[in-house]
Amino acid sequence: MGFEDRDYYRDPDWQPDRGDHSAVRWLIVLCAIVFVGQLIDGRVTKWLELSMSDTLAGGQLWRLVTYAFCHSTDKNQILHIVFNLFCLWFLGRAVQDRLGNREFVAFYLLAAAFSGLCYLGLHGVILGEHLPAVGASGALMAIMALFAMWYPRQQVLLFGLVPIEIRWLVAAYVVLDTFPIWNALRGDPQSHGVAHAAHLGGLLFGFAYHIFEWRVSNWLSFRRVPTWWRARERRKSVRLYDPESAAKEAPEEHDLDAKVDEILRKIHEHGETSLSDRERHVLSEASRRYRDRTTRTP
């Protein structure tokens, strides 16, 4: 039994995941495959790592994503990939459950790119350093930030031993990553090989994603209806609402059950934010009918 299954470690809002986690599994598999490739041929790292000269100056923008699938092959830093993949498995599953597969992958990749830009902006542009970066830590920090916003009291085991609420762990990362950057800006760049700017960039992306209620996968879709238009149509439907016509258009009981099943399947696969206004209306109607059914006296 994992510690996330124990009630005294669990945030009141936490629900142990039992869904499909194919996106998380594939990300872990890809990281493992790339790591093996790095061990076999060191040129793999050179092709995929994040470097100022190749990424921005050379126009190889794909490195803003590919670096997140590489990890240090130094035998003294083997815990780098172990820790990252463990966090991806534990935290990523919960986040994927709420976002759905497509949105989770889009969130992960964009978080990696944003973290990479933060790293290049600080070390490459401001500090004039040209050390390449590898690792999924920036994207994982975004996942951790989002997880902490949803389940702030969920406890994790620090170093596998000490239970700590995830919100305090995130706060500790903010402090530990801010001080080295502050020192570097003051002329004392001692980062000890850690991309602190990428960490803070990931945390910032995760917080912004939650606060502004972003939906990354919609940004990549040309079929997305603008928010202002959906709001206009919603206001129009409220003004033109007719109880009698609405009752005529209400679905039959057996049709309603089938539609609810289809919508719940969509939530499971793509997350609740993928629902259209009409689908949300169907769920509201179903909730009302089911509630009336349970309260009706014989």
Protein backbone atom coordinates (compact mmCIF):
# COMPACT_ATOMS: atom_id res chain seq x y z
CA MET A 1 0.00 0.00 0.00
CA GLY A 2 1.42 3.40 -0.98
CA PHE A 3 1.43 6.34 1.36
CA GLU A 4 -1.10 8.09 -0.86
CA ASP A 5 -3.64 5.41 0.12
CA ARG A 6 -3.48 6.21 3.83
CA ASP A 7 -6.15 8.58 5.13
CA TYR A 8 -3.85 10.41 7.52
CA TYR A 9 -1.54 11.37 4.64
CA ARG A 10 -4.31 12.46 2.32
CA ASP A 11 -5.66 15.90 1.48
CA PRO A 12 -9.45 16.04 2.14
CA ASP A 13 -10.02 16.71 -1.58
CA TRP A 14 -7.63 13.97 -2.72
CA GLN A 15 -9.10 10.97 -4.48
CA PRO A 16 -6.70 8.09 -5.29
CA ASP A 17 -6.49 7.79 -9.06
CA ARG A 18 -7.75 4.68 -10.76
CA GLY A 19 -7.95 5.88 -14.35
CA ASP A 20 -5.98 5.51 -17.54
CA HIS A 21 -2.45 6.92 -17.31
CA SER A 22 -1.18 6.19 -20.79
CA ALA A 23 0.21 9.71 -21.25
CA VAL A 24 2.30 9.51 -18.09
CA ARG A 25 3.51 6.03 -19.00
CA TRP A 26 4.56 7.12 -22.48
CA LEU A 27 6.44 10.14 -21.15
CA ILE A 28 8.31 7.89 -18.72
CA VAL A 29 9.06 5.37 -21.48
CA LEU A 30 10.36 8.11 -23.78
CA CYS A 31 12.64 9.47 -21.05
CA ALA A 32 13.96 5.97 -20.40
CA ILE A 33 14.56 5.29 -24.11
CA VAL A 34 16.39 8.60 -24.58
CA PHE A 35 18.48 7.93 -21.47
CA VAL A 36 19.56 4.55 -22.83
CA GLY A 37 20.42 6.25 -26.11
CA GLN A 38 22.51 8.79 -24.22
CA LEU A 39 24.43 5.99 -22.51
CA ILE A 40 25.05 4.23 -25.82
CA ASP A 41 26.02 7.30 -27.84
CA GLY A 42 26.94 10.63 -26.26
CA ARG A 43 25.91 12.44 -29.43
CA VAL A 44 22.25 11.92 -28.48
CA THR A 45 22.70 14.43 -25.67
CA LYS A 46 24.38 16.88 -28.06
CA TRP A 47 21.44 16.59 -30.47
CA LEU A 48 18.74 17.16 -27.84
CA GLU A 49 20.18 19.31 -25.03
CA LEU A 50 19.19 22.93 -24.45
CA SER A 51 21.99 25.31 -25.41
CA MET A 52 21.99 29.01 -26.16
CA SER A 53 24.01 28.74 -29.36
CA ASP A 54 21.94 25.97 -30.96
CA THR A 55 18.46 26.84 -29.67
CA LEU A 56 18.15 30.58 -30.18
CA ALA A 57 21.15 31.55 -32.28
CA GLY A 58 20.93 28.39 -34.40
CA GLY A 59 17.14 28.38 -34.66
CA GLN A 60 16.80 24.79 -33.36
CA LEU A 61 13.69 25.54 -31.34
CA TRP A 62 12.77 21.87 -30.88
CA ARG A 63 15.46 21.76 -28.17
CA LEU A 64 13.06 23.69 -25.92
CA VAL A 65 11.14 20.41 -25.67
CA THR A 66 13.68 17.66 -26.35
CA TYR A 67 15.99 18.69 -23.49
CA ALA A 68 13.23 17.67 -21.07
CA PHE A 69 13.60 14.04 -22.20
CA CYS A 70 17.35 13.98 -21.51
CA HIS A 71 19.05 13.51 -18.15
CA SER A 72 22.55 13.59 -16.79
CA THR A 73 24.49 10.38 -17.51
CA ASP A 74 27.08 11.10 -14.84
CA LYS A 75 27.17 8.08 -12.52
CA ASN A 76 27.22 10.46 -9.54
CA GLN A 77 23.94 12.01 -10.69
CA ILE A 78 21.92 8.87 -11.43
CA LEU A 79 19.30 10.03 -8.94
CA HIS A 80 18.51 12.86 -11.36
CA ILE A 81 16.43 10.66 -13.67
CA VAL A 82 15.21 8.37 -10.87
CA PHE A 83 13.77 11.26 -8.86
CA ASN A 84 12.24 12.95 -11.90
CA LEU A 85 10.50 9.82 -13.18
CA PHE A 86 9.23 8.95 -9.70
CA CYS A 87 7.70 12.42 -9.35
CA LEU A 88 6.23 12.18 -12.83
CA TRP A 89 4.58 8.87 -11.93
CA PHE A 90 3.19 9.95 -8.57
CA LEU A 91 2.14 13.54 -9.28
CA GLY A 92 1.56 13.19 -13.02
CA ARG A 93 -1.16 10.57 -12.66
CA ALA A 94 -3.29 12.81 -10.43
CA VAL A 95 -2.84 15.79 -12.75
CA GLN A 96 -3.62 13.70 -15.84
CA ASP A 97 -6.80 12.41 -14.20
CA ARG A 98 -8.13 15.96 -14.01
CA LEU A 99 -6.79 17.31 -17.30
CA GLY A 100 -7.22 14.33 -19.59
CA ASN A 101 -4.55 12.82 -21.85
CA ARG A 102 -4.35 15.45 -24.57
CA GLU A 103 -4.39 18.45 -22.25
CA PHE A 104 -1.86 16.85 -19.89
CA VAL A 105 0.65 16.24 -22.69
CA ALA A 106 0.15 19.77 -24.03
CA PHE A 107 0.59 21.18 -20.52
CA TYR A 108 3.76 19.13 -19.96
CA LEU A 109 5.42 20.10 -23.23
CA LEU A 110 4.57 23.79 -22.96
CA ALA A 111 5.77 23.85 -19.35
CA ALA A 112 9.08 22.35 -20.49
CA ALA A 113 9.41 24.97 -23.23
CA PHE A 114 8.60 27.85 -20.88
CA SER A 115 11.07 26.54 -18.29
CA GLY A 116 13.72 26.27 -20.99
CA LEU A 117 13.13 29.86 -22.08
CA CYS A 118 13.49 31.01 -18.47
CA TYR A 119 16.81 29.17 -18.24
CA LEU A 120 18.12 30.65 -21.49
CA GLY A 121 16.88 34.10 -20.53
CA LEU A 122 18.74 34.15 -17.23
CA HIS A 123 21.90 32.20 -17.94
CA GLY A 124 22.30 32.93 -21.64
CA VAL A 125 21.06 36.50 -22.02
CA ILE A 126 21.49 38.11 -18.58
CA LEU A 127 24.48 36.24 -17.15
CA GLY A 128 26.18 35.44 -20.44
CA GLU A 129 26.69 31.77 -19.56
CA HIS A 130 26.48 29.06 -22.21
CA LEU A 131 26.21 25.85 -20.23
CA PRO A 132 23.68 23.44 -21.82
CA ALA A 133 20.78 22.09 -19.75
CA VAL A 134 19.04 18.71 -19.64
CA GLY A 135 16.28 17.26 -17.50
CA ALA A 136 12.52 17.20 -16.96
CA SER A 137 12.71 19.15 -13.69
CA GLY A 138 11.14 22.33 -15.10
CA ALA A 139 8.07 20.51 -16.44
CA LEU A 140 7.82 18.51 -13.21
CA MET A 141 7.87 21.71 -11.17
CA ALA A 142 4.86 22.88 -13.18
CA ILE A 143 3.08 19.61 -12.37
CA MET A 144 4.02 19.96 -8.70
CA ALA A 145 2.71 23.55 -8.58
CA LEU A 146 -0.60 22.55 -10.17
CA PHE A 147 -0.92 19.54 -7.86
CA ALA A 148 -0.24 21.76 -4.84
CA MET A 149 -2.92 24.24 -5.92
CA TRP A 150 -5.47 21.44 -6.10
CA TYR A 151 -4.39 19.38 -3.07
CA PRO A 152 -2.35 21.70 -0.80
CA ARG A 153 -2.60 19.45 2.26
CA GLN A 154 -1.63 16.23 0.51
CA GLN A 155 1.43 14.79 2.25
CA VAL A 156 4.45 13.34 0.49
CA LEU A 157 7.51 11.66 1.95
CA LEU A 158 10.59 13.88 1.74
CA PHE A 159 13.64 11.69 1.02
CA GLY A 160 11.23 8.77 1.41
CA LEU A 161 11.12 9.28 5.18
CA VAL A 162 9.77 12.65 6.34
CA PRO A 163 6.06 13.42 5.68
CA ILE A 164 5.47 16.98 4.51
CA GLU A 165 2.49 18.73 2.97
CA ILE A 166 3.02 19.42 -0.72
CA ARG A 167 2.37 23.16 -0.33
CA TRP A 168 5.32 23.50 2.05
CA LEU A 169 7.53 21.48 -0.27
CA VAL A 170 6.69 23.83 -3.13
CA ALA A 171 7.36 26.84 -0.91
CA ALA A 172 10.76 25.35 -0.01
CA TYR A 173 11.61 24.92 -3.70
CA VAL A 174 10.73 28.56 -4.34
CA VAL A 175 13.12 29.68 -1.63
CA LEU A 176 15.92 27.25 -2.51
CA ASP A 177 15.79 28.19 -6.19
CA THR A 178 15.45 31.93 -5.65
CA PHE A 179 18.55 32.47 -3.48
CA PRO A 180 21.07 31.03 -6.00
CA ILE A 181 19.55 33.19 -8.74
CA TRP A 182 19.75 36.24 -6.50
CA ASN A 183 23.39 35.47 -5.75
CA ALA A 184 24.15 34.96 -9.44
CA LEU A 185 22.64 38.34 -10.30
CA ARG A 186 24.89 39.87 -7.63
CA GLY A 187 27.95 38.36 -9.28
CA ASP A 188 28.30 35.08 -7.38
CA PRO A 189 27.06 32.41 -9.83
CA GLN A 190 27.29 29.21 -7.78
CA SER A 191 24.48 27.01 -9.03
CA HIS A 192 26.28 23.69 -8.48
CA GLY A 193 25.00 22.41 -11.82
CA VAL A 194 21.31 23.01 -11.02
CA ALA A 195 19.07 24.94 -13.46
CA HIS A 196 17.31 27.02 -10.80
CA ALA A 197 15.77 29.35 -13.39
CA ALA A 198 14.09 26.39 -15.11
CA HIS A 199 12.69 25.25 -11.77
CA LEU A 200 11.18 28.66 -11.03
CA GLY A 201 9.92 28.92 -14.59
CA GLY A 202 8.07 25.62 -14.21
CA LEU A 203 6.55 26.68 -10.89
CA LEU A 204 5.46 29.99 -12.40
CA PHE A 205 3.85 28.24 -15.37
CA GLY A 206 1.95 25.83 -13.09
CA PHE A 207 0.66 28.65 -10.88
CA ALA A 208 -0.37 30.76 -13.89
CA TYR A 209 -2.10 27.79 -15.53
CA HIS A 210 -4.27 27.33 -12.45
CA ILE A 211 -4.91 31.00 -11.68
CA PHE A 212 -5.86 32.01 -15.23
CA GLU A 213 -7.66 28.70 -15.96
CA TRP A 214 -5.73 28.06 -19.16
CA ARG A 215 -6.56 25.23 -21.56
CA VAL A 216 -3.42 24.59 -23.60
CA SER A 217 -4.89 22.05 -26.02
CA ASN A 218 -7.50 24.61 -27.11
CA TRP A 219 -4.75 27.02 -28.13
CA LEU A 220 -3.61 24.46 -30.68
CA SER A 221 -7.09 23.93 -32.12
CA PHE A 222 -8.40 26.10 -34.97
CA ARG A 223 -11.93 24.95 -34.20
CA ARG A 224 -12.03 26.55 -30.80
CA VAL A 225 -14.95 28.95 -30.33
CA PRO A 226 -13.70 32.25 -28.82
CA THR A 227 -14.62 32.77 -25.17
CA TRP A 228 -16.39 36.06 -25.88
CA TRP A 229 -18.66 34.36 -28.46
CA ARG A 230 -19.59 31.52 -26.10
CA ALA A 231 -20.38 34.07 -23.40
CA ARG A 232 -22.55 36.00 -25.86
CA GLU A 233 -24.47 32.89 -26.86
CA ARG A 234 -24.92 31.94 -23.22
CA ARG A 235 -26.39 35.36 -22.40
CA LYS A 236 -28.61 35.14 -25.45
CA SER A 237 -29.92 31.74 -24.39
CA VAL A 238 -30.75 33.11 -20.95
CA ARG A 239 -32.72 36.02 -22.43
CA LEU A 240 -34.65 33.76 -24.79
CA TYR A 241 -35.32 30.99 -22.29
CA ASP A 242 -38.86 29.63 -22.48
CA PRO A 243 -39.78 27.02 -19.82
CA GLU A 244 -42.44 25.41 -22.01
CA SER A 245 -40.22 25.02 -25.07
CA ALA A 246 -37.34 23.88 -22.89
CA ALA A 247 -39.55 21.18 -21.44
CA LYS A 248 -40.48 20.04 -24.95
CA GLU A 249 -36.82 19.87 -25.96
CA ALA A 250 -35.76 18.03 -22.81
CA PRO A 251 -34.42 14.56 -23.66
CA GLU A 252 -36.35 11.45 -22.77
CA GLU A 253 -35.24 9.48 -19.72
CA HIS A 254 -33.48 6.68 -21.61
CA ASP A 255 -31.87 9.14 -24.03
CA LEU A 256 -30.67 11.23 -21.09
CA ASP A 257 -28.96 8.24 -19.46
CA ALA A 258 -27.15 7.43 -22.69
CA LYS A 259 -26.01 11.03 -23.10
CA VAL A 260 -24.78 11.18 -19.50
CA ASP A 261 -22.76 8.00 -20.02
CA GLU A 262 -21.19 9.50 -23.15
CA ILE A 263 -20.34 12.76 -21.36
CA LEU A 264 -18.83 10.95 -18.38
CA ARG A 265 -16.69 8.95 -20.78
CA LYS A 266 -15.51 12.19 -22.37
CA ILE A 267 -14.62 13.63 -18.94
CA HIS A 268 -12.60 10.50 -18.17
CA GLU A 269 -10.67 10.73 -21.45
CA HIS A 270 -10.21 14.49 -21.88
CA GLY A 271 -11.02 16.14 -18.54
CA GLU A 272 -14.00 18.19 -17.37
CA THR A 273 -12.86 21.39 -19.10
CA SER A 274 -13.34 19.73 -22.51
CA LEU A 275 -17.15 19.84 -22.13
CA SER A 276 -19.25 22.15 -24.26
CA ASP A 277 -21.98 24.37 -22.82
CA ARG A 278 -24.63 22.00 -24.18
CA GLU A 279 -23.00 19.01 -22.48
CA ARG A 280 -22.88 20.90 -19.20
CA HIS A 281 -26.58 21.67 -19.62
CA VAL A 282 -27.29 17.95 -20.13
CA LEU A 283 -25.44 17.13 -16.90
CA SER A 284 -27.39 19.80 -15.02
CA GLU A 285 -30.68 18.44 -16.38
CA ALA A 286 -29.68 14.90 -15.45
CA SER A 287 -28.71 16.00 -11.95
CA ARG A 288 -32.07 17.71 -11.51
CA ARG A 289 -34.00 14.66 -12.71
CA TYR A 290 -32.03 12.22 -10.61
CA ARG A 291 -32.51 14.44 -7.57
CA ASP A 292 -36.27 14.66 -8.18
CA ARG A 293 -36.40 10.88 -8.65
CA THR A 294 -34.72 10.23 -5.28
CA THR A 295 -36.87 12.74 -3.37
CA ARG A 296 -40.23 11.75 -4.92
CA THR A 297 -42.54 10.04 -2.44
CA PRO A 298 -44.50 6.91 -3.49
